Amino acid sequence: MSTPGAARTGLEPLDGGARAALTIRAQPGARRSGFAGFWNGLVKVAVSAPPEDGRANEALRDEVAKLLGLRASAVQLVAGATSREKRFEIDATEARVRARIDELCAGGHARRACEPSQRNARARSRGPRSSGAEDA
């Protein structure tokens, strides 16, 4: 069962709200590790570790734990080991995780990525681009 905000953040309650599941978009091989905003409604987390031999997955687990203010052992990767979309189960309440994600946006961490893109909004309002073939 998902909550109304689950679609925006990829966050869902588990075990009656005592734990949470968070689906993220990974950005391995980044210059800097940390919160990188949102990508298609999912929290985006960047890590400098390359996606080789599970190093990026370990770095992502550690970075998610750090961003949420938890021990690394409180965050477990449960799906997406070889995908950019990864699902973590977190030993914290959904409310605590949601509040921390909101703090990251409000605190200036990747502020531009937390705000809706004006460029994308304009492109959506114009509709699909024409190929120019029908103009000739």
N, C-alpha and C. Protein backbone atom coordinates (compact mmCIF):
# COMPACT_ATOMS: atom_id res chain seq x y z
N MET A 1 0.85 -1.18 0.00
CA MET A 1 0.00 0.00 0.00
C MET A 1 0.89 1.23 0.00
N SER A 2 0.68 2.13 -0.93
CA SER A 2 1.52 3.31 -1.02
C SER A 2 0.75 4.54 -0.54
N THR A 3 1.51 5.54 -0.14
CA THR A 3 0.92 6.78 0.33
C THR A 3 0.84 7.76 -0.82
N PRO A 4 0.09 8.87 -0.68
CA PRO A 4 -0.05 9.81 -1.78
C PRO A 4 1.28 10.36 -2.29
N GLY A 5 2.26 10.61 -1.43
CA GLY A 5 3.53 11.16 -1.85
C GLY A 5 4.51 10.12 -2.34
N ALA A 6 4.13 8.85 -2.30
CA ALA A 6 5.05 7.79 -2.67
C ALA A 6 5.49 7.89 -4.12
N ALA A 7 4.59 8.32 -4.99
CA ALA A 7 4.94 8.43 -6.41
C ALA A 7 5.99 9.49 -6.63
N ARG A 8 6.00 10.54 -5.83
CA ARG A 8 6.96 11.62 -6.01
C ARG A 8 8.35 11.25 -5.52
N THR A 9 8.43 10.47 -4.47
CA THR A 9 9.74 10.21 -3.88
C THR A 9 10.16 8.75 -3.94
N GLY A 10 9.30 7.84 -4.37
CA GLY A 10 9.66 6.43 -4.35
C GLY A 10 9.72 5.89 -2.94
N LEU A 11 9.00 6.51 -2.02
CA LEU A 11 9.04 6.14 -0.61
C LEU A 11 7.73 5.46 -0.22
N GLU A 12 7.84 4.30 0.44
CA GLU A 12 6.66 3.57 0.88
C GLU A 12 6.86 3.06 2.29
N PRO A 13 5.79 3.01 3.10
CA PRO A 13 5.90 2.45 4.45
C PRO A 13 5.95 0.93 4.40
N LEU A 14 6.66 0.34 5.35
CA LEU A 14 6.72 -1.11 5.53
C LEU A 14 6.39 -1.43 6.98
N ASP A 15 5.91 -2.63 7.23
CA ASP A 15 5.64 -3.09 8.59
C ASP A 15 4.79 -2.10 9.38
N GLY A 16 3.71 -1.64 8.74
CA GLY A 16 2.81 -0.72 9.43
C GLY A 16 3.41 0.65 9.70
N GLY A 17 4.43 1.03 8.95
CA GLY A 17 5.05 2.34 9.10
C GLY A 17 6.30 2.34 9.96
N ALA A 18 6.64 1.21 10.55
CA ALA A 18 7.83 1.15 11.41
C ALA A 18 9.12 1.21 10.60
N ARG A 19 9.06 0.77 9.34
CA ARG A 19 10.21 0.80 8.43
C ARG A 19 9.75 1.43 7.13
N ALA A 20 10.71 1.68 6.23
CA ALA A 20 10.37 2.30 4.96
C ALA A 20 11.15 1.65 3.83
N ALA A 21 10.58 1.72 2.63
CA ALA A 21 11.26 1.29 1.41
C ALA A 21 11.45 2.54 0.57
N LEU A 22 12.67 2.73 0.07
CA LEU A 22 12.99 3.91 -0.73
C LEU A 22 13.61 3.45 -2.04
N THR A 23 13.00 3.83 -3.15
CA THR A 23 13.55 3.55 -4.47
C THR A 23 14.28 4.80 -4.92
N ILE A 24 15.53 4.63 -5.32
CA ILE A 24 16.35 5.77 -5.73
C ILE A 24 16.86 5.59 -7.15
N ARG A 25 17.34 6.66 -7.72
CA ARG A 25 18.04 6.64 -9.00
C ARG A 25 19.52 6.86 -8.67
N ALA A 26 20.37 5.91 -9.05
CA ALA A 26 21.79 5.97 -8.75
C ALA A 26 22.55 6.68 -9.87
N GLN A 27 23.57 7.43 -9.47
CA GLN A 27 24.48 8.06 -10.43
C GLN A 27 25.90 7.68 -10.04
N PRO A 28 26.36 6.50 -10.47
CA PRO A 28 27.72 6.08 -10.13
C PRO A 28 28.76 6.84 -10.94
N GLY A 29 29.97 6.91 -10.44
CA GLY A 29 31.05 7.56 -11.16
C GLY A 29 30.94 9.08 -11.19
N ALA A 30 30.21 9.66 -10.27
CA ALA A 30 30.03 11.11 -10.23
C ALA A 30 31.26 11.80 -9.64
N ARG A 31 31.38 13.09 -9.88
CA ARG A 31 32.50 13.85 -9.30
C ARG A 31 32.41 13.89 -7.79
N ARG A 32 31.18 14.10 -7.29
CA ARG A 32 30.96 14.19 -5.84
C ARG A 32 29.83 13.27 -5.44
N SER A 33 29.94 12.77 -4.23
CA SER A 33 28.87 11.92 -3.69
C SER A 33 27.88 12.78 -2.93
N GLY A 34 26.61 12.38 -2.97
CA GLY A 34 25.60 13.08 -2.19
C GLY A 34 24.25 13.11 -2.88
N PHE A 35 23.34 13.82 -2.25
CA PHE A 35 21.99 14.01 -2.78
C PHE A 35 22.08 14.85 -4.05
N ALA A 36 21.45 14.37 -5.13
CA ALA A 36 21.52 15.07 -6.41
C ALA A 36 20.14 15.51 -6.91
N GLY A 37 19.16 15.56 -6.03
CA GLY A 37 17.83 16.02 -6.41
C GLY A 37 16.90 14.88 -6.74
N PHE A 38 16.09 15.08 -7.78
CA PHE A 38 15.11 14.08 -8.18
C PHE A 38 15.27 13.76 -9.66
N TRP A 39 14.94 12.55 -10.02
CA TRP A 39 14.95 12.11 -11.41
C TRP A 39 13.68 11.29 -11.62
N ASN A 40 12.79 11.79 -12.46
CA ASN A 40 11.50 11.12 -12.72
C ASN A 40 10.78 10.74 -11.43
N GLY A 41 10.80 11.63 -10.46
CA GLY A 41 10.09 11.41 -9.21
C GLY A 41 10.84 10.60 -8.17
N LEU A 42 12.02 10.10 -8.50
CA LEU A 42 12.81 9.33 -7.54
C LEU A 42 13.94 10.18 -6.99
N VAL A 43 14.30 9.94 -5.74
CA VAL A 43 15.46 10.59 -5.16
C VAL A 43 16.68 10.14 -5.95
N LYS A 44 17.53 11.09 -6.33
CA LYS A 44 18.75 10.76 -7.08
C LYS A 44 19.94 10.92 -6.15
N VAL A 45 20.76 9.88 -6.07
CA VAL A 45 21.93 9.89 -5.21
C VAL A 45 23.16 9.63 -6.08
N ALA A 46 24.14 10.51 -5.97
CA ALA A 46 25.38 10.38 -6.72
C ALA A 46 26.46 9.80 -5.82
N VAL A 47 27.30 8.93 -6.40
CA VAL A 47 28.46 8.40 -5.69
C VAL A 47 29.65 8.42 -6.64
N SER A 48 30.82 8.63 -6.09
CA SER A 48 32.02 8.69 -6.94
C SER A 48 32.53 7.30 -7.30
N ALA A 49 32.10 6.28 -6.61
CA ALA A 49 32.54 4.91 -6.88
C ALA A 49 32.05 4.45 -8.25
N PRO A 50 32.90 3.71 -8.98
CA PRO A 50 32.47 3.20 -10.29
C PRO A 50 31.53 2.01 -10.12
N PRO A 51 30.70 1.75 -11.14
CA PRO A 51 29.76 0.62 -11.05
C PRO A 51 30.45 -0.70 -11.38
N GLU A 52 31.47 -1.04 -10.62
CA GLU A 52 32.23 -2.28 -10.85
C GLU A 52 32.36 -3.05 -9.55
N ASP A 53 32.17 -4.35 -9.62
CA ASP A 53 32.36 -5.25 -8.48
C ASP A 53 31.55 -4.84 -7.25
N GLY A 54 30.40 -4.23 -7.44
CA GLY A 54 29.54 -3.86 -6.33
C GLY A 54 30.00 -2.66 -5.53
N ARG A 55 31.06 -1.99 -6.00
CA ARG A 55 31.57 -0.84 -5.24
C ARG A 55 30.56 0.30 -5.18
N ALA A 56 29.88 0.55 -6.28
CA ALA A 56 28.88 1.63 -6.29
C ALA A 56 27.71 1.29 -5.36
N ASN A 57 27.30 0.02 -5.32
CA ASN A 57 26.19 -0.37 -4.44
C ASN A 57 26.56 -0.15 -2.98
N GLU A 58 27.76 -0.51 -2.60
CA GLU A 58 28.20 -0.28 -1.21
C GLU A 58 28.25 1.22 -0.91
N ALA A 59 28.80 1.98 -1.85
CA ALA A 59 28.88 3.43 -1.66
C ALA A 59 27.49 4.05 -1.58
N LEU A 60 26.56 3.56 -2.40
CA LEU A 60 25.18 4.07 -2.34
C LEU A 60 24.53 3.78 -1.00
N ARG A 61 24.70 2.56 -0.51
CA ARG A 61 24.13 2.23 0.80
C ARG A 61 24.69 3.17 1.87
N ASP A 62 26.01 3.37 1.84
CA ASP A 62 26.63 4.25 2.83
C ASP A 62 26.15 5.70 2.68
N GLU A 63 26.01 6.15 1.44
CA GLU A 63 25.58 7.53 1.19
C GLU A 63 24.13 7.74 1.59
N VAL A 64 23.25 6.77 1.28
CA VAL A 64 21.85 6.87 1.69
C VAL A 64 21.77 6.92 3.22
N ALA A 65 22.53 6.08 3.88
CA ALA A 65 22.54 6.08 5.35
C ALA A 65 23.02 7.43 5.88
N LYS A 66 24.08 7.96 5.30
CA LYS A 66 24.62 9.25 5.72
C LYS A 66 23.61 10.37 5.50
N LEU A 67 22.96 10.39 4.34
CA LEU A 67 21.98 11.43 4.04
C LEU A 67 20.79 11.38 5.00
N LEU A 68 20.42 10.17 5.43
CA LEU A 68 19.28 10.01 6.32
C LEU A 68 19.66 10.06 7.79
N GLY A 69 20.96 10.17 8.08
CA GLY A 69 21.43 10.23 9.46
C GLY A 69 21.32 8.91 10.18
N LEU A 70 21.58 7.81 9.46
CA LEU A 70 21.46 6.46 10.03
C LEU A 70 22.78 5.71 9.92
N ARG A 71 22.88 4.60 10.64
CA ARG A 71 24.02 3.68 10.48
C ARG A 71 23.87 2.97 9.15
N ALA A 72 24.98 2.58 8.56
CA ALA A 72 24.93 1.86 7.28
C ALA A 72 24.17 0.54 7.42
N SER A 73 24.23 -0.07 8.60
CA SER A 73 23.55 -1.35 8.81
C SER A 73 22.03 -1.19 8.83
N ALA A 74 21.53 0.05 8.93
CA ALA A 74 20.08 0.29 8.94
C ALA A 74 19.51 0.41 7.53
N VAL A 75 20.38 0.30 6.50
CA VAL A 75 19.97 0.44 5.11
C VAL A 75 20.40 -0.81 4.35
N GLN A 76 19.44 -1.50 3.72
CA GLN A 76 19.75 -2.72 2.98
C GLN A 76 19.26 -2.60 1.54
N LEU A 77 20.12 -2.93 0.59
CA LEU A 77 19.73 -2.98 -0.81
C LEU A 77 18.95 -4.27 -1.02
N VAL A 78 17.70 -4.15 -1.51
CA VAL A 78 16.87 -5.34 -1.69
C VAL A 78 16.52 -5.61 -3.15
N ALA A 79 16.73 -4.63 -4.02
CA ALA A 79 16.44 -4.83 -5.45
C ALA A 79 17.23 -3.83 -6.28
N GLY A 80 17.61 -4.25 -7.48
CA GLY A 80 18.27 -3.37 -8.41
C GLY A 80 19.78 -3.37 -8.34
N ALA A 81 20.38 -4.46 -7.95
CA ALA A 81 21.84 -4.52 -7.81
C ALA A 81 22.57 -4.15 -9.09
N THR A 82 21.99 -4.45 -10.26
CA THR A 82 22.66 -4.14 -11.52
C THR A 82 21.94 -3.05 -12.31
N SER A 83 21.01 -2.37 -11.67
CA SER A 83 20.21 -1.34 -12.34
C SER A 83 20.52 0.02 -11.73
N ARG A 84 20.18 1.08 -12.43
CA ARG A 84 20.33 2.42 -11.85
C ARG A 84 19.21 2.72 -10.86
N GLU A 85 18.07 2.05 -11.01
CA GLU A 85 16.99 2.19 -10.02
C GLU A 85 17.18 1.11 -8.97
N LYS A 86 17.33 1.53 -7.74
CA LYS A 86 17.61 0.62 -6.64
C LYS A 86 16.59 0.83 -5.53
N ARG A 87 16.23 -0.27 -4.90
CA ARG A 87 15.26 -0.21 -3.80
C ARG A 87 15.97 -0.61 -2.52
N PHE A 88 15.89 0.28 -1.55
CA PHE A 88 16.48 0.04 -0.23
C PHE A 88 15.39 -0.09 0.81
N GLU A 89 15.58 -0.99 1.76
CA GLU A 89 14.72 -1.05 2.94
C GLU A 89 15.48 -0.38 4.06
N ILE A 90 14.78 0.49 4.77
CA ILE A 90 15.42 1.35 5.76
C ILE A 90 14.78 1.14 7.12
N ASP A 91 15.62 0.96 8.12
CA ASP A 91 15.15 0.78 9.49
C ASP A 91 14.88 2.14 10.13
N ALA A 92 13.89 2.84 9.59
CA ALA A 92 13.43 4.14 10.10
C ALA A 92 12.00 4.31 9.60
N THR A 93 11.25 5.14 10.28
CA THR A 93 9.86 5.34 9.86
C THR A 93 9.80 6.12 8.55
N GLU A 94 8.72 5.91 7.84
CA GLU A 94 8.52 6.63 6.58
C GLU A 94 8.51 8.13 6.83
N ALA A 95 7.89 8.57 7.93
CA ALA A 95 7.82 10.00 8.25
C ALA A 95 9.22 10.58 8.45
N ARG A 96 10.09 9.84 9.11
CA ARG A 96 11.46 10.33 9.35
C ARG A 96 12.22 10.45 8.03
N VAL A 97 12.08 9.46 7.15
CA VAL A 97 12.78 9.48 5.87
C VAL A 97 12.23 10.62 5.01
N ARG A 98 10.92 10.78 4.96
CA ARG A 98 10.31 11.86 4.17
C ARG A 98 10.75 13.23 4.69
N ALA A 99 10.78 13.39 6.01
CA ALA A 99 11.21 14.66 6.59
C ALA A 99 12.65 14.97 6.22
N ARG A 100 13.51 13.96 6.23
CA ARG A 100 14.91 14.18 5.89
C ARG A 100 15.07 14.55 4.41
N ILE A 101 14.30 13.92 3.52
CA ILE A 101 14.35 14.27 2.09
C ILE A 101 13.90 15.72 1.90
N ASP A 102 12.85 16.11 2.61
CA ASP A 102 12.38 17.49 2.54
C ASP A 102 13.44 18.46 3.06
N GLU A 103 14.15 18.09 4.12
CA GLU A 103 15.23 18.92 4.66
C GLU A 103 16.35 19.09 3.65
N LEU A 104 16.67 18.02 2.95
CA LEU A 104 17.74 18.09 1.95
C LEU A 104 17.40 19.11 0.86
N CYS A 105 16.15 19.11 0.43
CA CYS A 105 15.73 20.08 -0.59
C CYS A 105 15.71 21.49 -0.02
N ALA A 106 15.15 21.65 1.17
CA ALA A 106 15.03 22.97 1.77
C ALA A 106 16.39 23.53 2.17
N GLY A 107 17.33 22.66 2.50
CA GLY A 107 18.63 23.11 2.98
C GLY A 107 19.60 23.49 1.88
N GLY A 108 19.17 23.49 0.64
CA GLY A 108 20.04 23.92 -0.44
C GLY A 108 20.84 22.80 -1.07
N HIS A 109 20.71 21.58 -0.61
CA HIS A 109 21.38 20.45 -1.25
C HIS A 109 20.72 20.22 -2.60
N ALA A 110 21.43 20.46 -3.65
CA ALA A 110 20.92 20.25 -5.01
C ALA A 110 19.62 21.01 -5.22
N ARG A 111 19.58 22.27 -4.77
CA ARG A 111 18.35 23.06 -4.83
C ARG A 111 17.76 23.11 -6.23
N ARG A 112 18.59 23.30 -7.23
CA ARG A 112 18.07 23.39 -8.59
C ARG A 112 17.39 22.08 -8.99
N ALA A 113 17.90 20.96 -8.49
CA ALA A 113 17.29 19.67 -8.84
C ALA A 113 15.99 19.43 -8.08
N CYS A 114 15.76 20.15 -6.97
CA CYS A 114 14.53 19.99 -6.21
C CYS A 114 13.40 20.81 -6.79
N GLU A 115 13.73 21.85 -7.55
CA GLU A 115 12.72 22.70 -8.15
C GLU A 115 12.34 22.17 -9.52
N PRO A 116 11.08 22.31 -9.91
CA PRO A 116 10.70 21.87 -11.25
C PRO A 116 11.46 22.69 -12.30
N SER A 117 11.89 22.04 -13.31
CA SER A 117 12.64 22.70 -14.37
C SER A 117 11.71 23.53 -15.25
N GLN A 118 12.00 24.81 -15.38
CA GLN A 118 11.19 25.68 -16.23
C GLN A 118 11.34 25.28 -17.68
N ARG A 119 12.53 24.89 -18.07
CA ARG A 119 12.76 24.48 -19.45
C ARG A 119 11.91 23.27 -19.81
N ASN A 120 11.88 22.28 -18.92
CA ASN A 120 11.06 21.10 -19.18
C ASN A 120 9.58 21.43 -19.17
N ALA A 121 9.17 22.35 -18.32
CA ALA A 121 7.76 22.73 -18.26
C ALA A 121 7.34 23.40 -19.56
N ARG A 122 8.19 24.26 -20.11
CA ARG A 122 7.87 24.91 -21.39
C ARG A 122 7.80 23.89 -22.51
N ALA A 123 8.73 22.94 -22.52
CA ALA A 123 8.74 21.93 -23.57
C ALA A 123 7.48 21.07 -23.52
N ARG A 124 7.03 20.74 -22.31
CA ARG A 124 5.82 19.93 -22.17
C ARG A 124 4.60 20.69 -22.65
N SER A 125 4.57 22.00 -22.41
CA SER A 125 3.39 22.78 -22.81
C SER A 125 3.31 22.95 -24.33
N ARG A 126 4.43 22.89 -25.02
CA ARG A 126 4.42 23.03 -26.47
C ARG A 126 4.01 21.75 -27.17
N GLY A 127 4.18 20.64 -26.52
CA GLY A 127 3.86 19.37 -27.15
C GLY A 127 5.06 18.83 -27.92
N PRO A 128 4.86 17.76 -28.68
CA PRO A 128 5.98 17.14 -29.39
C PRO A 128 6.49 18.04 -30.51
N ARG A 129 7.80 17.96 -30.73
CA ARG A 129 8.40 18.72 -31.81
C ARG A 129 8.05 18.10 -33.14
N SER A 130 7.92 18.95 -34.14
CA SER A 130 7.67 18.42 -35.48
C SER A 130 9.00 18.18 -36.17
N SER A 131 9.01 17.27 -37.10
CA SER A 131 10.24 16.94 -37.81
C SER A 131 10.53 17.94 -38.91
N GLY A 132 9.58 18.78 -39.23
CA GLY A 132 9.76 19.78 -40.27
C GLY A 132 9.36 19.25 -41.64
N ALA A 133 9.09 17.97 -41.77
CA ALA A 133 8.74 17.39 -43.06
C ALA A 133 7.40 17.89 -43.56
N GLU A 134 6.46 18.14 -42.60
CA GLU A 134 5.15 18.59 -43.04
C GLU A 134 5.13 20.07 -43.38
N ASP A 135 6.20 20.81 -43.03
CA ASP A 135 6.27 22.22 -43.36
C ASP A 135 6.64 22.46 -44.83
N ALA A 136 7.24 21.51 -45.49
CA ALA A 136 7.72 21.70 -46.86
C ALA A 136 6.63 21.62 -47.88
